[in-house]
N, C-alpha and C. Protein backbone atom coordinates (compact mmCIF):
# COMPACT_ATOMS: atom_id res chain seq x y z
N MET A 1 -2.22 -6.53 -22.04
CA MET A 1 -1.76 -5.20 -21.68
C MET A 1 -1.00 -4.62 -22.88
N ASN A 2 -1.34 -3.39 -23.24
CA ASN A 2 -0.66 -2.78 -24.38
C ASN A 2 0.64 -2.09 -23.94
N ASN A 3 1.43 -1.66 -24.91
CA ASN A 3 2.73 -1.05 -24.61
C ASN A 3 2.60 0.22 -23.80
N ASN A 4 1.54 1.00 -24.06
CA ASN A 4 1.32 2.24 -23.32
C ASN A 4 1.07 1.95 -21.84
N GLN A 5 0.23 0.96 -21.55
CA GLN A 5 -0.04 0.59 -20.15
C GLN A 5 1.23 0.07 -19.48
N GLN A 6 2.01 -0.73 -20.20
CA GLN A 6 3.26 -1.25 -19.66
C GLN A 6 4.21 -0.11 -19.31
N GLN A 7 4.28 0.89 -20.17
CA GLN A 7 5.16 2.04 -19.92
C GLN A 7 4.68 2.84 -18.71
N ILE A 8 3.36 3.00 -18.59
CA ILE A 8 2.79 3.70 -17.43
C ILE A 8 3.18 2.97 -16.15
N ILE A 9 3.06 1.66 -16.14
CA ILE A 9 3.40 0.87 -14.96
C ILE A 9 4.88 1.01 -14.61
N GLU A 10 5.74 0.88 -15.60
CA GLU A 10 7.18 1.00 -15.34
C GLU A 10 7.55 2.38 -14.84
N ASP A 11 6.99 3.42 -15.44
CA ASP A 11 7.28 4.79 -15.01
C ASP A 11 6.80 5.01 -13.57
N MET A 12 5.60 4.52 -13.27
CA MET A 12 5.03 4.70 -11.94
C MET A 12 5.86 3.94 -10.89
N GLN A 13 6.30 2.74 -11.22
CA GLN A 13 7.14 1.97 -10.30
C GLN A 13 8.39 2.76 -9.94
N ALA A 14 9.02 3.36 -10.92
CA ALA A 14 10.25 4.12 -10.68
C ALA A 14 9.98 5.33 -9.78
N VAL A 15 8.89 6.04 -10.03
CA VAL A 15 8.55 7.23 -9.24
C VAL A 15 8.26 6.85 -7.79
N ILE A 16 7.44 5.83 -7.60
CA ILE A 16 7.04 5.41 -6.25
C ILE A 16 8.25 4.87 -5.47
N HIS A 17 9.11 4.12 -6.14
CA HIS A 17 10.33 3.62 -5.49
C HIS A 17 11.24 4.79 -5.08
N GLN A 18 11.35 5.79 -5.94
CA GLN A 18 12.18 6.95 -5.63
C GLN A 18 11.63 7.72 -4.43
N MET A 19 10.31 7.77 -4.30
CA MET A 19 9.71 8.43 -3.13
C MET A 19 10.21 7.79 -1.84
N LYS A 20 10.28 6.46 -1.83
CA LYS A 20 10.74 5.76 -0.64
C LYS A 20 12.20 6.09 -0.35
N ILE A 21 13.01 6.08 -1.38
CA ILE A 21 14.44 6.41 -1.22
C ILE A 21 14.59 7.84 -0.70
N ASP A 22 13.83 8.77 -1.27
CA ASP A 22 13.90 10.17 -0.83
C ASP A 22 13.50 10.31 0.63
N ASP A 23 12.45 9.61 1.04
CA ASP A 23 12.01 9.66 2.44
C ASP A 23 13.10 9.15 3.37
N ILE A 24 13.76 8.07 2.99
CA ILE A 24 14.82 7.50 3.83
C ILE A 24 16.01 8.45 3.91
N GLU A 25 16.36 9.09 2.78
CA GLU A 25 17.46 10.05 2.79
C GLU A 25 17.13 11.25 3.67
N GLU A 26 15.88 11.69 3.63
CA GLU A 26 15.44 12.85 4.42
C GLU A 26 15.33 12.50 5.90
N ASN A 27 14.85 11.29 6.19
CA ASN A 27 14.66 10.85 7.58
C ASN A 27 14.96 9.35 7.65
N PRO A 28 16.21 8.99 7.95
CA PRO A 28 16.59 7.57 7.97
C PRO A 28 15.72 6.70 8.88
N ASP A 29 15.17 7.27 9.95
CA ASP A 29 14.32 6.49 10.85
C ASP A 29 13.02 6.05 10.19
N SER A 30 12.62 6.73 9.13
CA SER A 30 11.35 6.39 8.48
C SER A 30 11.36 4.99 7.88
N GLU A 31 12.55 4.44 7.68
CA GLU A 31 12.65 3.07 7.17
C GLU A 31 12.27 2.05 8.24
N PHE A 32 12.39 2.46 9.51
CA PHE A 32 12.14 1.55 10.63
C PHE A 32 10.91 1.91 11.45
N ASP A 33 10.38 3.12 11.25
CA ASP A 33 9.14 3.52 11.92
C ASP A 33 7.99 2.87 11.17
N LEU A 34 7.23 2.04 11.87
CA LEU A 34 6.17 1.26 11.22
C LEU A 34 4.78 1.82 11.51
N PHE A 35 3.88 1.54 10.61
CA PHE A 35 2.46 1.85 10.78
C PHE A 35 1.70 0.72 10.10
N THR A 36 0.41 0.62 10.37
CA THR A 36 -0.42 -0.39 9.71
C THR A 36 -1.09 0.25 8.50
N CYS A 37 -0.79 -0.29 7.32
CA CYS A 37 -1.34 0.25 6.08
C CYS A 37 -2.86 0.10 6.08
N SER A 38 -3.54 1.16 5.70
CA SER A 38 -5.00 1.13 5.64
C SER A 38 -5.53 0.19 4.57
N ALA A 39 -4.75 -0.05 3.52
CA ALA A 39 -5.22 -0.88 2.41
C ALA A 39 -4.90 -2.36 2.61
N CYS A 40 -3.64 -2.69 2.87
CA CYS A 40 -3.26 -4.11 2.96
C CYS A 40 -3.19 -4.62 4.39
N THR A 41 -3.26 -3.74 5.36
CA THR A 41 -3.22 -4.01 6.80
C THR A 41 -1.88 -4.57 7.28
N LYS A 42 -0.85 -4.49 6.48
CA LYS A 42 0.48 -4.95 6.91
C LYS A 42 1.19 -3.83 7.66
N ASP A 43 2.03 -4.21 8.60
CA ASP A 43 2.89 -3.23 9.25
C ASP A 43 4.01 -2.90 8.28
N SER A 44 4.10 -1.62 7.91
CA SER A 44 5.01 -1.18 6.86
C SER A 44 5.78 0.06 7.31
N PRO A 45 6.94 0.30 6.69
CA PRO A 45 7.71 1.50 7.02
C PRO A 45 7.00 2.77 6.57
N LEU A 46 7.18 3.83 7.33
CA LEU A 46 6.63 5.13 6.93
C LEU A 46 7.27 5.61 5.63
N ALA A 47 8.51 5.22 5.39
CA ALA A 47 9.21 5.65 4.17
C ALA A 47 8.41 5.24 2.94
N GLY A 48 8.11 6.21 2.11
CA GLY A 48 7.39 5.94 0.88
C GLY A 48 5.89 5.85 1.03
N SER A 49 5.39 5.99 2.25
CA SER A 49 3.94 5.93 2.45
C SER A 49 3.34 7.31 2.17
N ILE A 50 2.05 7.32 1.90
CA ILE A 50 1.35 8.58 1.65
C ILE A 50 0.00 8.55 2.37
N GLN A 51 -0.35 9.70 2.93
CA GLN A 51 -1.65 9.88 3.55
C GLN A 51 -2.62 10.41 2.51
N TYR A 52 -3.67 9.64 2.23
CA TYR A 52 -4.74 10.06 1.32
C TYR A 52 -5.99 10.19 2.18
N SER A 53 -6.43 11.43 2.38
CA SER A 53 -7.61 11.65 3.19
C SER A 53 -7.38 11.00 4.56
N LYS A 54 -8.25 10.10 4.97
CA LYS A 54 -8.09 9.45 6.28
C LYS A 54 -7.30 8.15 6.20
N TYR A 55 -6.78 7.81 5.04
CA TYR A 55 -6.07 6.54 4.84
C TYR A 55 -4.58 6.77 4.61
N ARG A 56 -3.75 6.00 5.31
CA ARG A 56 -2.31 6.00 5.03
C ARG A 56 -1.99 4.68 4.34
N LEU A 57 -1.36 4.78 3.17
CA LEU A 57 -1.01 3.61 2.38
C LEU A 57 0.49 3.40 2.37
N CYS A 58 0.89 2.14 2.45
CA CYS A 58 2.31 1.79 2.37
C CYS A 58 2.79 2.02 0.93
N ASN A 59 4.10 1.97 0.75
CA ASN A 59 4.68 2.23 -0.56
C ASN A 59 4.12 1.30 -1.64
N ASP A 60 3.95 0.01 -1.32
CA ASP A 60 3.40 -0.93 -2.30
C ASP A 60 1.96 -0.57 -2.67
N CYS A 61 1.17 -0.21 -1.67
CA CYS A 61 -0.23 0.13 -1.94
C CYS A 61 -0.36 1.50 -2.62
N VAL A 62 0.58 2.41 -2.34
CA VAL A 62 0.60 3.68 -3.06
C VAL A 62 0.75 3.39 -4.55
N LEU A 63 1.66 2.48 -4.88
CA LEU A 63 1.86 2.12 -6.28
C LEU A 63 0.57 1.56 -6.88
N LEU A 64 -0.06 0.63 -6.18
CA LEU A 64 -1.29 0.02 -6.70
C LEU A 64 -2.40 1.06 -6.85
N TYR A 65 -2.53 1.93 -5.88
CA TYR A 65 -3.58 2.96 -5.94
C TYR A 65 -3.31 3.94 -7.08
N GLU A 66 -2.09 4.43 -7.17
CA GLU A 66 -1.76 5.40 -8.22
C GLU A 66 -1.93 4.79 -9.62
N LEU A 67 -1.56 3.51 -9.75
CA LEU A 67 -1.77 2.83 -11.03
C LEU A 67 -3.26 2.69 -11.34
N ALA A 68 -4.04 2.33 -10.34
CA ALA A 68 -5.48 2.20 -10.53
C ALA A 68 -6.09 3.54 -10.96
N LEU A 69 -5.61 4.62 -10.36
CA LEU A 69 -6.08 5.96 -10.77
C LEU A 69 -5.69 6.25 -12.21
N LYS A 70 -4.42 6.07 -12.51
CA LYS A 70 -3.89 6.40 -13.83
C LYS A 70 -4.54 5.58 -14.94
N LEU A 71 -4.84 4.32 -14.63
CA LEU A 71 -5.43 3.43 -15.63
C LEU A 71 -6.96 3.50 -15.64
N GLY A 72 -7.52 4.38 -14.81
CA GLY A 72 -8.97 4.59 -14.81
C GLY A 72 -9.77 3.50 -14.12
N LYS A 73 -9.13 2.72 -13.26
CA LYS A 73 -9.83 1.63 -12.56
C LYS A 73 -10.61 2.15 -11.35
N VAL A 74 -10.15 3.26 -10.77
CA VAL A 74 -10.85 3.91 -9.65
C VAL A 74 -10.80 5.42 -9.86
N GLN A 75 -11.70 6.11 -9.18
CA GLN A 75 -11.77 7.57 -9.30
C GLN A 75 -11.18 8.29 -8.08
N ASN A 76 -11.14 7.59 -6.93
CA ASN A 76 -10.67 8.24 -5.70
C ASN A 76 -10.28 7.18 -4.67
N ILE A 77 -9.75 7.65 -3.56
CA ILE A 77 -9.25 6.73 -2.53
C ILE A 77 -10.39 5.91 -1.92
N GLU A 78 -11.55 6.51 -1.76
CA GLU A 78 -12.67 5.77 -1.17
C GLU A 78 -13.07 4.59 -2.05
N GLU A 79 -13.08 4.80 -3.35
CA GLU A 79 -13.42 3.73 -4.28
C GLU A 79 -12.35 2.63 -4.23
N TYR A 80 -11.09 3.04 -4.16
CA TYR A 80 -10.00 2.06 -4.06
C TYR A 80 -10.14 1.23 -2.79
N MET A 81 -10.41 1.90 -1.67
CA MET A 81 -10.53 1.18 -0.40
C MET A 81 -11.72 0.22 -0.45
N SER A 82 -12.80 0.63 -1.08
CA SER A 82 -13.95 -0.25 -1.22
C SER A 82 -13.61 -1.48 -2.05
N LYS A 83 -12.86 -1.29 -3.13
CA LYS A 83 -12.51 -2.40 -4.01
C LYS A 83 -11.48 -3.35 -3.39
N THR A 84 -10.75 -2.88 -2.38
CA THR A 84 -9.74 -3.73 -1.74
C THR A 84 -10.19 -4.26 -0.39
N GLU A 85 -11.46 -4.09 -0.08
CA GLU A 85 -11.98 -4.52 1.23
C GLU A 85 -11.80 -6.02 1.47
N ASP A 86 -12.01 -6.84 0.46
CA ASP A 86 -11.85 -8.29 0.61
C ASP A 86 -10.45 -8.66 1.07
N THR A 87 -9.45 -7.97 0.56
CA THR A 87 -8.06 -8.23 0.95
C THR A 87 -7.86 -7.96 2.43
N ARG A 88 -8.41 -6.86 2.91
CA ARG A 88 -8.27 -6.52 4.34
C ARG A 88 -9.01 -7.53 5.21
N LEU A 89 -10.20 -7.93 4.80
CA LEU A 89 -10.96 -8.92 5.57
C LEU A 89 -10.22 -10.25 5.64
N GLU A 90 -9.63 -10.65 4.53
CA GLU A 90 -8.86 -11.90 4.50
C GLU A 90 -7.66 -11.81 5.44
N ALA A 91 -6.99 -10.68 5.45
CA ALA A 91 -5.83 -10.49 6.33
C ALA A 91 -6.25 -10.55 7.80
N MET A 92 -7.39 -9.94 8.12
CA MET A 92 -7.88 -9.98 9.50
C MET A 92 -8.23 -11.40 9.92
N CYS A 93 -8.86 -12.15 9.03
CA CYS A 93 -9.21 -13.54 9.33
C CYS A 93 -7.95 -14.38 9.55
N ASP A 94 -6.95 -14.17 8.71
CA ASP A 94 -5.68 -14.90 8.88
C ASP A 94 -5.03 -14.56 10.22
N PHE A 95 -5.08 -13.30 10.61
CA PHE A 95 -4.51 -12.87 11.88
C PHE A 95 -5.24 -13.55 13.04
N ILE A 96 -6.56 -13.57 12.99
CA ILE A 96 -7.36 -14.20 14.05
C ILE A 96 -7.06 -15.69 14.14
N LYS A 97 -6.99 -16.34 12.99
CA LYS A 97 -6.65 -17.78 12.98
C LYS A 97 -5.29 -18.02 13.61
N HIS A 98 -4.33 -17.20 13.25
CA HIS A 98 -2.97 -17.34 13.78
C HIS A 98 -2.96 -17.14 15.30
N GLU A 99 -3.67 -16.13 15.77
CA GLU A 99 -3.74 -15.87 17.21
C GLU A 99 -4.42 -17.03 17.94
N ASN A 100 -5.48 -17.57 17.37
CA ASN A 100 -6.15 -18.71 17.99
C ASN A 100 -5.24 -19.92 18.07
N LEU A 101 -4.47 -20.16 17.03
CA LEU A 101 -3.51 -21.27 17.06
C LEU A 101 -2.47 -21.09 18.15
N LYS A 102 -1.99 -19.86 18.31
CA LYS A 102 -1.00 -19.58 19.35
C LYS A 102 -1.59 -19.82 20.73
N GLU A 103 -2.83 -19.41 20.93
CA GLU A 103 -3.49 -19.59 22.23
C GLU A 103 -3.74 -21.05 22.55
N ASN A 104 -4.01 -21.86 21.53
CA ASN A 104 -4.33 -23.26 21.74
C ASN A 104 -3.09 -24.15 21.88
N ASN A 105 -1.93 -23.61 21.62
CA ASN A 105 -0.70 -24.42 21.75
C ASN A 105 0.02 -24.16 23.01
């Protein structure tokens, strides 16, 4: 990774983190209101999340998506969602395994 890419990442981290802080200051409940992130499938706070088209991304995934855009790894949200499909499938499989273990005990 070159210095320019490192600077882009650091700048983007600061901006995305500030978005979350701003959301919490504007609406303190947003830190505790949860939704399921379209990208990582984790239950995450609304604070710092962004709606892209039909997808709502948590603050961590917003960072990853925005970095992917800025670094030219993806062109749009649909491409990002396609490239992260394996992560969502793995999370669903882990959830199913966990539920099956709970049922069998």
